[in-house]
N, C-alpha and C. Protein backbone atom coordinates (compact mmCIF):
# COMPACT_ATOMS: atom_id res chain seq x y z
N UNK A 1 0.82 -1.18 0.00
CA UNK A 1 0.00 0.00 0.00
C UNK A 1 0.87 1.26 0.00
N UNK A 2 1.96 1.23 0.75
CA UNK A 2 2.85 2.38 0.80
C UNK A 2 3.53 2.61 -0.55
N UNK A 3 3.84 1.52 -1.24
CA UNK A 3 4.49 1.64 -2.55
C UNK A 3 3.52 2.27 -3.55
N UNK A 4 2.27 1.86 -3.49
CA UNK A 4 1.27 2.44 -4.40
C UNK A 4 1.07 3.92 -4.11
N UNK A 5 1.06 4.27 -2.82
CA UNK A 5 0.91 5.68 -2.46
C UNK A 5 2.11 6.48 -2.97
N UNK A 6 3.31 5.91 -2.90
CA UNK A 6 4.50 6.59 -3.41
C UNK A 6 4.44 6.73 -4.93
N UNK A 7 4.01 5.68 -5.61
CA UNK A 7 3.95 5.73 -7.07
C UNK A 7 2.90 6.71 -7.58
N UNK A 8 1.86 6.95 -6.80
CA UNK A 8 0.80 7.86 -7.22
C UNK A 8 0.91 9.23 -6.58
N UNK A 9 2.03 9.50 -5.93
CA UNK A 9 2.18 10.79 -5.26
C UNK A 9 2.37 11.91 -6.28
N UNK A 10 1.99 13.11 -5.87
CA UNK A 10 2.12 14.27 -6.75
C UNK A 10 3.58 14.52 -7.11
N UNK A 11 4.48 14.34 -6.14
CA UNK A 11 5.90 14.59 -6.40
C UNK A 11 6.42 13.68 -7.51
N UNK A 12 6.13 12.39 -7.43
CA UNK A 12 6.67 11.46 -8.43
C UNK A 12 6.01 11.65 -9.79
N UNK A 13 4.70 11.80 -9.81
CA UNK A 13 4.01 11.96 -11.09
C UNK A 13 4.43 13.25 -11.80
N UNK A 14 4.58 14.32 -11.04
CA UNK A 14 5.01 15.56 -11.68
C UNK A 14 6.47 15.50 -12.09
N UNK A 15 7.29 14.75 -11.35
CA UNK A 15 8.69 14.55 -11.76
C UNK A 15 8.76 13.80 -13.08
N UNK A 16 7.93 12.79 -13.24
CA UNK A 16 7.89 12.06 -14.50
C UNK A 16 7.48 12.99 -15.64
N UNK A 17 6.49 13.84 -15.40
CA UNK A 17 6.07 14.80 -16.43
C UNK A 17 7.18 15.78 -16.77
N UNK A 18 7.88 16.29 -15.76
CA UNK A 18 8.99 17.22 -16.02
C UNK A 18 10.12 16.51 -16.76
N UNK A 19 10.37 15.26 -16.42
CA UNK A 19 11.43 14.50 -17.11
C UNK A 19 11.06 14.26 -18.57
N UNK A 20 9.80 14.00 -18.82
CA UNK A 20 9.36 13.81 -20.21
C UNK A 20 9.53 15.10 -21.00
N UNK A 21 9.14 16.23 -20.40
CA UNK A 21 9.32 17.51 -21.08
C UNK A 21 10.80 17.81 -21.33
N UNK A 22 11.64 17.51 -20.35
CA UNK A 22 13.08 17.73 -20.53
C UNK A 22 13.64 16.83 -21.63
N UNK A 23 13.18 15.58 -21.68
CA UNK A 23 13.65 14.67 -22.73
C UNK A 23 13.19 15.14 -24.11
N UNK A 24 11.97 15.66 -24.19
CA UNK A 24 11.50 16.20 -25.48
C UNK A 24 12.32 17.41 -25.90
N UNK A 25 12.61 18.28 -24.94
CA UNK A 25 13.43 19.45 -25.27
C UNK A 25 14.83 19.02 -25.68
N UNK A 26 15.36 17.98 -25.05
CA UNK A 26 16.70 17.52 -25.37
C UNK A 26 16.75 16.89 -26.76
N UNK A 27 15.74 16.09 -27.08
CA UNK A 27 15.74 15.38 -28.36
C UNK A 27 15.35 16.28 -29.53
N UNK A 28 14.34 17.11 -29.34
CA UNK A 28 13.85 17.93 -30.45
C UNK A 28 14.41 19.34 -30.45
N UNK A 29 15.20 19.67 -29.44
CA UNK A 29 15.83 20.98 -29.38
C UNK A 29 16.73 21.29 -30.55
N UNK A 30 17.52 20.34 -31.05
CA UNK A 30 18.40 20.63 -32.19
C UNK A 30 17.66 21.03 -33.47
N UNK A 31 16.36 20.82 -33.52
CA UNK A 31 15.61 21.25 -34.69
C UNK A 31 15.49 22.77 -34.75
N UNK A 32 15.64 23.43 -33.61
CA UNK A 32 15.66 24.89 -33.56
C UNK A 32 17.11 25.36 -33.55
N UNK A 33 17.43 26.36 -34.34
CA UNK A 33 18.83 26.81 -34.42
C UNK A 33 19.39 27.28 -33.08
N UNK A 34 18.56 27.87 -32.24
CA UNK A 34 19.06 28.37 -30.96
C UNK A 34 19.38 27.26 -29.97
N UNK A 35 18.84 26.08 -30.20
CA UNK A 35 19.03 24.97 -29.26
C UNK A 35 19.91 23.86 -29.83
N UNK A 36 20.74 24.16 -30.83
CA UNK A 36 21.58 23.12 -31.42
C UNK A 36 22.66 22.65 -30.46
N UNK A 37 23.18 23.55 -29.67
CA UNK A 37 24.21 23.18 -28.70
C UNK A 37 23.57 22.50 -27.49
N UNK A 38 24.37 21.75 -26.76
CA UNK A 38 23.86 21.05 -25.60
C UNK A 38 23.68 21.99 -24.40
N UNK A 39 24.34 23.13 -24.41
CA UNK A 39 24.27 24.04 -23.26
C UNK A 39 22.86 24.63 -23.07
N UNK A 40 22.22 25.19 -24.11
CA UNK A 40 20.86 25.70 -23.88
C UNK A 40 19.85 24.61 -23.56
N UNK A 41 20.05 23.43 -24.13
CA UNK A 41 19.14 22.33 -23.82
C UNK A 41 19.30 21.89 -22.37
N UNK A 42 20.53 21.90 -21.87
CA UNK A 42 20.76 21.59 -20.46
C UNK A 42 20.13 22.67 -19.57
N UNK A 43 20.20 23.92 -20.01
CA UNK A 43 19.56 25.00 -19.27
C UNK A 43 18.05 24.83 -19.20
N UNK A 44 17.46 24.40 -20.30
CA UNK A 44 16.02 24.14 -20.31
C UNK A 44 15.67 23.01 -19.35
N UNK A 45 16.46 21.94 -19.39
CA UNK A 45 16.20 20.80 -18.51
C UNK A 45 16.35 21.19 -17.04
N UNK A 46 17.38 21.96 -16.72
CA UNK A 46 17.56 22.40 -15.34
C UNK A 46 16.48 23.39 -14.92
N UNK A 47 16.05 24.23 -15.85
CA UNK A 47 14.96 25.16 -15.56
C UNK A 47 13.66 24.42 -15.25
N UNK A 48 13.38 23.38 -16.03
CA UNK A 48 12.20 22.57 -15.76
C UNK A 48 12.29 21.90 -14.39
N UNK A 49 13.47 21.40 -14.06
CA UNK A 49 13.67 20.77 -12.76
C UNK A 49 13.47 21.79 -11.62
N UNK A 50 13.96 23.00 -11.82
CA UNK A 50 13.80 24.03 -10.81
C UNK A 50 12.33 24.43 -10.65
N UNK A 51 11.64 24.61 -11.75
CA UNK A 51 10.21 24.95 -11.69
C UNK A 51 9.43 23.83 -11.01
N UNK A 52 9.75 22.58 -11.33
CA UNK A 52 9.10 21.43 -10.70
C UNK A 52 9.29 21.44 -9.19
N UNK A 53 10.53 21.65 -8.75
CA UNK A 53 10.83 21.61 -7.32
C UNK A 53 10.15 22.76 -6.57
N UNK A 54 10.20 23.95 -7.13
CA UNK A 54 9.61 25.11 -6.46
C UNK A 54 8.09 24.98 -6.40
N UNK A 55 7.48 24.54 -7.49
CA UNK A 55 6.02 24.39 -7.50
C UNK A 55 5.56 23.36 -6.48
N UNK A 56 6.23 22.22 -6.42
CA UNK A 56 5.83 21.20 -5.46
C UNK A 56 6.10 21.63 -4.02
N UNK A 57 7.18 22.34 -3.81
CA UNK A 57 7.47 22.84 -2.47
C UNK A 57 6.42 23.85 -2.02
N UNK A 58 6.04 24.77 -2.90
CA UNK A 58 5.01 25.74 -2.55
C UNK A 58 3.66 25.08 -2.30
N UNK A 59 3.32 24.07 -3.09
CA UNK A 59 2.07 23.36 -2.86
C UNK A 59 2.08 22.63 -1.53
N UNK A 60 3.20 22.03 -1.16
CA UNK A 60 3.30 21.35 0.13
C UNK A 60 3.23 22.34 1.29
N UNK A 61 3.90 23.47 1.16
CA UNK A 61 3.85 24.47 2.23
C UNK A 61 2.44 25.02 2.40
N UNK A 62 1.75 25.25 1.31
CA UNK A 62 0.37 25.75 1.39
C UNK A 62 -0.54 24.71 2.04
N UNK A 63 -0.36 23.44 1.68
CA UNK A 63 -1.17 22.38 2.27
C UNK A 63 -0.92 22.28 3.78
N UNK A 64 0.34 22.35 4.19
CA UNK A 64 0.66 22.26 5.62
C UNK A 64 0.09 23.45 6.39
N UNK A 65 0.15 24.64 5.80
CA UNK A 65 -0.39 25.82 6.46
C UNK A 65 -1.90 25.69 6.62
N UNK A 66 -2.58 25.22 5.58
CA UNK A 66 -4.02 25.03 5.67
C UNK A 66 -4.38 23.98 6.71
N UNK A 67 -3.59 22.92 6.83
CA UNK A 67 -3.85 21.90 7.84
C UNK A 67 -3.66 22.47 9.24
N UNK A 68 -2.64 23.32 9.44
CA UNK A 68 -2.43 23.93 10.76
C UNK A 68 -3.59 24.85 11.12
N UNK A 69 -4.06 25.63 10.15
CA UNK A 69 -5.19 26.52 10.41
C UNK A 69 -6.44 25.71 10.74
N UNK A 70 -6.67 24.65 10.01
CA UNK A 70 -7.82 23.80 10.27
C UNK A 70 -7.72 23.17 11.66
N UNK A 71 -6.55 22.66 11.99
CA UNK A 71 -6.36 22.05 13.30
C UNK A 71 -6.56 23.07 14.42
N UNK A 72 -6.04 24.27 14.24
CA UNK A 72 -6.21 25.31 15.25
C UNK A 72 -7.69 25.69 15.37
N UNK A 73 -8.39 25.75 14.26
CA UNK A 73 -9.81 26.08 14.31
C UNK A 73 -10.62 25.02 15.00
N UNK A 74 -10.28 23.78 14.78
CA UNK A 74 -11.01 22.68 15.42
C UNK A 74 -10.76 22.69 16.92
N UNK A 75 -9.51 22.85 17.33
CA UNK A 75 -9.21 22.83 18.76
C UNK A 75 -9.74 24.08 19.44
N UNK A 76 -9.67 25.25 18.80
CA UNK A 76 -10.23 26.47 19.40
C UNK A 76 -11.75 26.38 19.48
N UNK A 77 -12.35 25.82 18.45
CA UNK A 77 -13.81 25.66 18.46
C UNK A 77 -14.27 24.75 19.57
N UNK A 78 -13.51 23.70 19.85
CA UNK A 78 -13.86 22.79 20.95
C UNK A 78 -13.72 23.49 22.29
N UNK A 79 -12.70 24.33 22.44
CA UNK A 79 -12.52 25.06 23.69
C UNK A 79 -13.63 26.09 23.88
N UNK A 80 -14.03 26.75 22.82
CA UNK A 80 -15.11 27.73 22.91
C UNK A 80 -16.43 27.03 23.24
N UNK A 81 -16.67 25.87 22.64
CA UNK A 81 -17.90 25.14 22.91
C UNK A 81 -17.97 24.69 24.36
N UNK A 82 -16.83 24.30 24.94
CA UNK A 82 -16.81 23.89 26.34
C UNK A 82 -17.03 25.08 27.25
N UNK A 83 -16.52 26.25 26.88
CA UNK A 83 -16.63 27.43 27.74
C UNK A 83 -17.95 28.16 27.54
N UNK A 84 -18.74 27.76 26.57
CA UNK A 84 -19.99 28.45 26.26
C UNK A 84 -21.01 28.20 27.37
N UNK A 85 -21.60 29.28 27.88
CA UNK A 85 -22.60 29.16 28.93
C UNK A 85 -24.00 29.45 28.43
N UNK A 86 -24.19 29.50 27.14
CA UNK A 86 -25.50 29.76 26.58
C UNK A 86 -25.68 31.21 26.16
N UNK A 87 -24.78 32.07 26.52
CA UNK A 87 -24.92 33.48 26.17
C UNK A 87 -24.81 33.69 24.66
N UNK A 88 -24.04 32.84 23.99
CA UNK A 88 -23.88 33.03 22.56
C UNK A 88 -25.18 32.80 21.81
N UNK A 89 -26.05 31.93 22.33
CA UNK A 89 -27.35 31.74 21.71
C UNK A 89 -28.18 33.01 21.78
N UNK A 90 -28.16 33.67 22.95
CA UNK A 90 -28.88 34.95 23.08
C UNK A 90 -28.27 35.98 22.15
N UNK A 91 -26.94 35.99 22.03
CA UNK A 91 -26.26 36.95 21.15
C UNK A 91 -26.66 36.72 19.69
N UNK A 92 -26.74 35.46 19.28
CA UNK A 92 -27.12 35.18 17.90
C UNK A 92 -28.55 35.65 17.63
N UNK A 93 -29.44 35.42 18.58
CA UNK A 93 -30.82 35.87 18.38
C UNK A 93 -30.88 37.38 18.28
N UNK A 94 -30.15 38.08 19.15
CA UNK A 94 -30.13 39.53 19.12
C UNK A 94 -29.50 40.04 17.83
N UNK A 95 -28.37 39.43 17.42
CA UNK A 95 -27.67 39.88 16.22
C UNK A 95 -28.51 39.64 14.97
N UNK A 96 -29.24 38.54 14.93
CA UNK A 96 -30.05 38.29 13.74
C UNK A 96 -31.18 39.31 13.64
N UNK A 97 -31.75 39.71 14.77
CA UNK A 97 -32.77 40.76 14.74
C UNK A 97 -32.17 42.09 14.36
N UNK A 98 -30.98 42.37 14.82
CA UNK A 98 -30.30 43.62 14.49
C UNK A 98 -30.02 43.70 13.00
N UNK A 99 -29.62 42.57 12.41
CA UNK A 99 -29.33 42.57 10.97
C UNK A 99 -30.60 42.83 10.16
N UNK A 100 -31.73 42.39 10.65
CA UNK A 100 -32.97 42.63 9.92
C UNK A 100 -33.34 44.11 9.95
N UNK A 101 -32.97 44.81 11.01
CA UNK A 101 -33.32 46.22 11.12
C UNK A 101 -32.31 47.12 10.43
N UNK A 102 -31.13 46.59 10.09
CA UNK A 102 -30.07 47.41 9.48
C UNK A 102 -30.45 47.75 8.04
N UNK A 103 -30.28 49.01 7.60
CA UNK A 103 -30.78 49.41 6.26
C UNK A 103 -29.83 49.08 5.11
N UNK A 104 -29.23 47.95 5.09
CA UNK A 104 -28.32 47.61 3.99
C UNK A 104 -29.07 46.97 2.89
């Protein structure tokens, strides 16, 4: 199961896609006059690798931040629910009536 999860992970699948793009640039690059030398083709391959790494890193960081926010919201919500003495229900009823009277 762990092997399947690794094979289907975003990091590996996107690496395969970046490698395919780099291989296409390497093989078909000489058809363009600017890419006849191996140096610009290597630059393209390294650029693709860099874009791949940065994109996946940013996606992972965003996912971790969202998980931390969700976890904090769940734990804070549980603490608020335990500390609630019923006053929030009265507040909601009052606020909903106030919103109906507001001229927006």
